[in-house]
C-alpha atoms as a PDB file:
ATOM      1  CA  MET A   1     -86.767-202.279  28.915  1.00  0.00           C
ATOM      2  CA  THR A   2     -88.665-199.578  30.717  1.00  0.00           C
ATOM      3  CA  ILE A   3     -88.111-199.160  34.371  1.00  0.00           C
ATOM      4  CA  LYS A   4     -90.334-196.865  36.443  1.00  0.00           C
ATOM      5  CA  ILE A   5     -89.710-195.561  39.849  1.00  0.00           C
ATOM      6  CA  LEU A   6     -92.764-194.706  41.790  1.00  0.00           C
ATOM      7  CA  GLY A   7     -92.947-192.525  44.564  1.00  0.00           C
ATOM      8  CA  SER A   8     -93.389-188.920  45.923  1.00  0.00           C
ATOM      9  CA  GLY A   9     -89.523-187.982  45.798  1.00  0.00           C
ATOM     10  CA  CYS A  10     -88.793-188.923  49.231  1.00  0.00           C
ATOM     11  CA  PRO A  11     -85.251-190.099  50.123  1.00  0.00           C
ATOM     12  CA  LYS A  12     -86.061-193.723  49.823  1.00  0.00           C
ATOM     13  CA  CYS A  13     -87.594-193.182  46.413  1.00  0.00           C
ATOM     14  CA  LYS A  14     -84.499-191.269  45.295  1.00  0.00           C
ATOM     15  CA  LYS A  15     -82.160-194.002  46.633  1.00  0.00           C
ATOM     16  CA  LEU A  16     -84.343-196.673  44.771  1.00  0.00           C
ATOM     17  CA  GLU A  17     -83.955-194.480  41.579  1.00  0.00           C
ATOM     18  CA  GLU A  18     -80.153-194.468  42.141  1.00  0.00           C
ATOM     19  CA  ASN A  19     -80.080-198.315  42.790  1.00  0.00           C
ATOM     20  CA  ALA A  20     -81.873-198.981  39.564  1.00  0.00           C
ATOM     21  CA  ARG A  21     -79.374-196.824  37.613  1.00  0.00           C
ATOM     22  CA  THR A  22     -76.698-198.710  39.293  1.00  0.00           C
ATOM     23  CA  ALA A  23     -78.087-202.068  38.386  1.00  0.00           C
ATOM     24  CA  VAL A  24     -78.530-201.021  34.830  1.00  0.00           C
ATOM     25  CA  ALA A  25     -74.970-199.871  34.432  1.00  0.00           C
ATOM     26  CA  ASN A  26     -73.664-203.050  36.326  1.00  0.00           C
ATOM     27  CA  THR A  27     -75.649-205.308  34.022  1.00  0.00           C
ATOM     28  CA  GLY A  28     -75.064-203.346  30.798  1.00  0.00           C
ATOM     29  CA  ILE A  29     -78.829-203.933  29.841  1.00  0.00           C
ATOM     30  CA  ASN A  30     -80.642-201.186  27.615  1.00  0.00           C
ATOM     31  CA  ALA A  31     -83.150-199.650  29.947  1.00  0.00           C
ATOM     32  CA  VAL A  32     -84.904-196.394  30.134  1.00  0.00           C
ATOM     33  CA  ILE A  33     -85.649-195.412  33.638  1.00  0.00           C
ATOM     34  CA  GLU A  34     -88.652-193.004  34.411  1.00  0.00           C
ATOM     35  CA  LYS A  35     -89.626-191.387  37.815  1.00  0.00           C
ATOM     36  CA  VAL A  36     -93.398-191.169  38.353  1.00  0.00           C
ATOM     37  CA  THR A  37     -94.366-188.920  41.070  1.00  0.00           C
ATOM     38  CA  ASP A  38     -98.037-188.168  40.150  1.00  0.00           C
ATOM     39  CA  MET A  39    -100.042-190.040  42.977  1.00  0.00           C
ATOM     40  CA  GLY A  40    -102.931-190.618  40.433  1.00  0.00           C
ATOM     41  CA  LYS A  41    -100.683-192.465  38.184  1.00  0.00           C
ATOM     42  CA  ILE A  42     -99.094-194.359  40.878  1.00  0.00           C
ATOM     43  CA  MET A  43    -102.803-195.505  42.075  1.00  0.00           C
ATOM     44  CA  ASP A  44    -103.197-196.811  38.369  1.00  0.00           C
ATOM     45  CA  TYR A  45    -100.587-199.321  38.952  1.00  0.00           C
ATOM     46  CA  GLY A  46    -102.367-200.437  42.501  1.00  0.00           C
ATOM     47  CA  VAL A  47     -99.445-199.272  44.581  1.00  0.00           C
ATOM     48  CA  MET A  48    -100.256-198.344  48.093  1.00  0.00           C
ATOM     49  CA  MET A  49     -96.791-198.010  49.262  1.00  0.00           C
ATOM     50  CA  THR A  50     -93.865-196.345  47.741  1.00  0.00           C
ATOM     51  CA  PRO A  51     -91.048-196.573  46.735  1.00  0.00           C
ATOM     52  CA  ALA A  52     -92.156-199.169  43.971  1.00  0.00           C
ATOM     53  CA  ILE A  53     -90.407-200.362  40.945  1.00  0.00           C
ATOM     54  CA  VAL A  54     -92.314-201.285  37.797  1.00  0.00           C
ATOM     55  CA  ILE A  55     -90.581-202.984  34.913  1.00  0.00           C
ATOM     56  CA  ASP A  56     -92.166-203.182  31.464  1.00  0.00           C
ATOM     57  CA  GLU A  57     -95.466-202.276  33.196  1.00  0.00           C
ATOM     58  CA  VAL A  58     -95.232-204.962  35.819  1.00  0.00           C
ATOM     59  CA  VAL A  59     -95.036-204.120  39.342  1.00  0.00           C
ATOM     60  CA  LYS A  60     -92.082-205.866  40.889  1.00  0.00           C
ATOM     61  CA  SER A  61     -91.854-204.258  44.343  1.00  0.00           C
ATOM     62  CA  THR A  62     -93.418-201.874  46.513  1.00  0.00           C
ATOM     63  CA  GLY A  63     -92.783-200.434  49.910  1.00  0.00           C
ATOM     64  CA  LYS A  64     -89.083-201.555  49.804  1.00  0.00           C
ATOM     65  CA  LEU A  65     -85.641-200.028  49.165  1.00  0.00           C
ATOM     66  CA  LEU A  66     -84.035-202.694  46.958  1.00  0.00           C
ATOM     67  CA  SER A  67     -80.341-202.966  46.367  1.00  0.00           C
ATOM     68  CA  PRO A  68     -78.899-202.838  42.825  1.00  0.00           C
ATOM     69  CA  GLU A  69     -78.375-206.638  43.088  1.00  0.00           C
ATOM     70  CA  GLU A  70     -82.044-207.285  44.006  1.00  0.00           C
ATOM     71  CA  ILE A  71     -83.190-205.110  41.130  1.00  0.00           C
ATOM     72  CA  ALA A  72     -80.792-206.644  38.620  1.00  0.00           C
ATOM     73  CA  LYS A  73     -82.531-210.175  39.464  1.00  0.00           C
ATOM     74  CA  PHE A  74     -85.656-208.684  37.696  1.00  0.00           C
ATOM     75  CA  PHE A  75     -83.651-208.257  34.410  1.00  0.00           C
ATOM     76  CA  VAL A  76     -83.517-211.961  33.771  1.00  0.00           C
END
């Protein structure tokens, strides 16, 4: 599984990345977490609000700071 955190590096973007890492650790899944800060690449996903989370190339959430528990629900 590939998890991408889209954002400019703002505090909410950093916290979303931290929460994604916590969700991966708590569930024990095998995942690679990438951070995408390039605005062109973020726009390629059609994302207009950050932070955003993309799992296996599918945008799951935009403009929200999700908890580790909320992120873990996407792993099912």
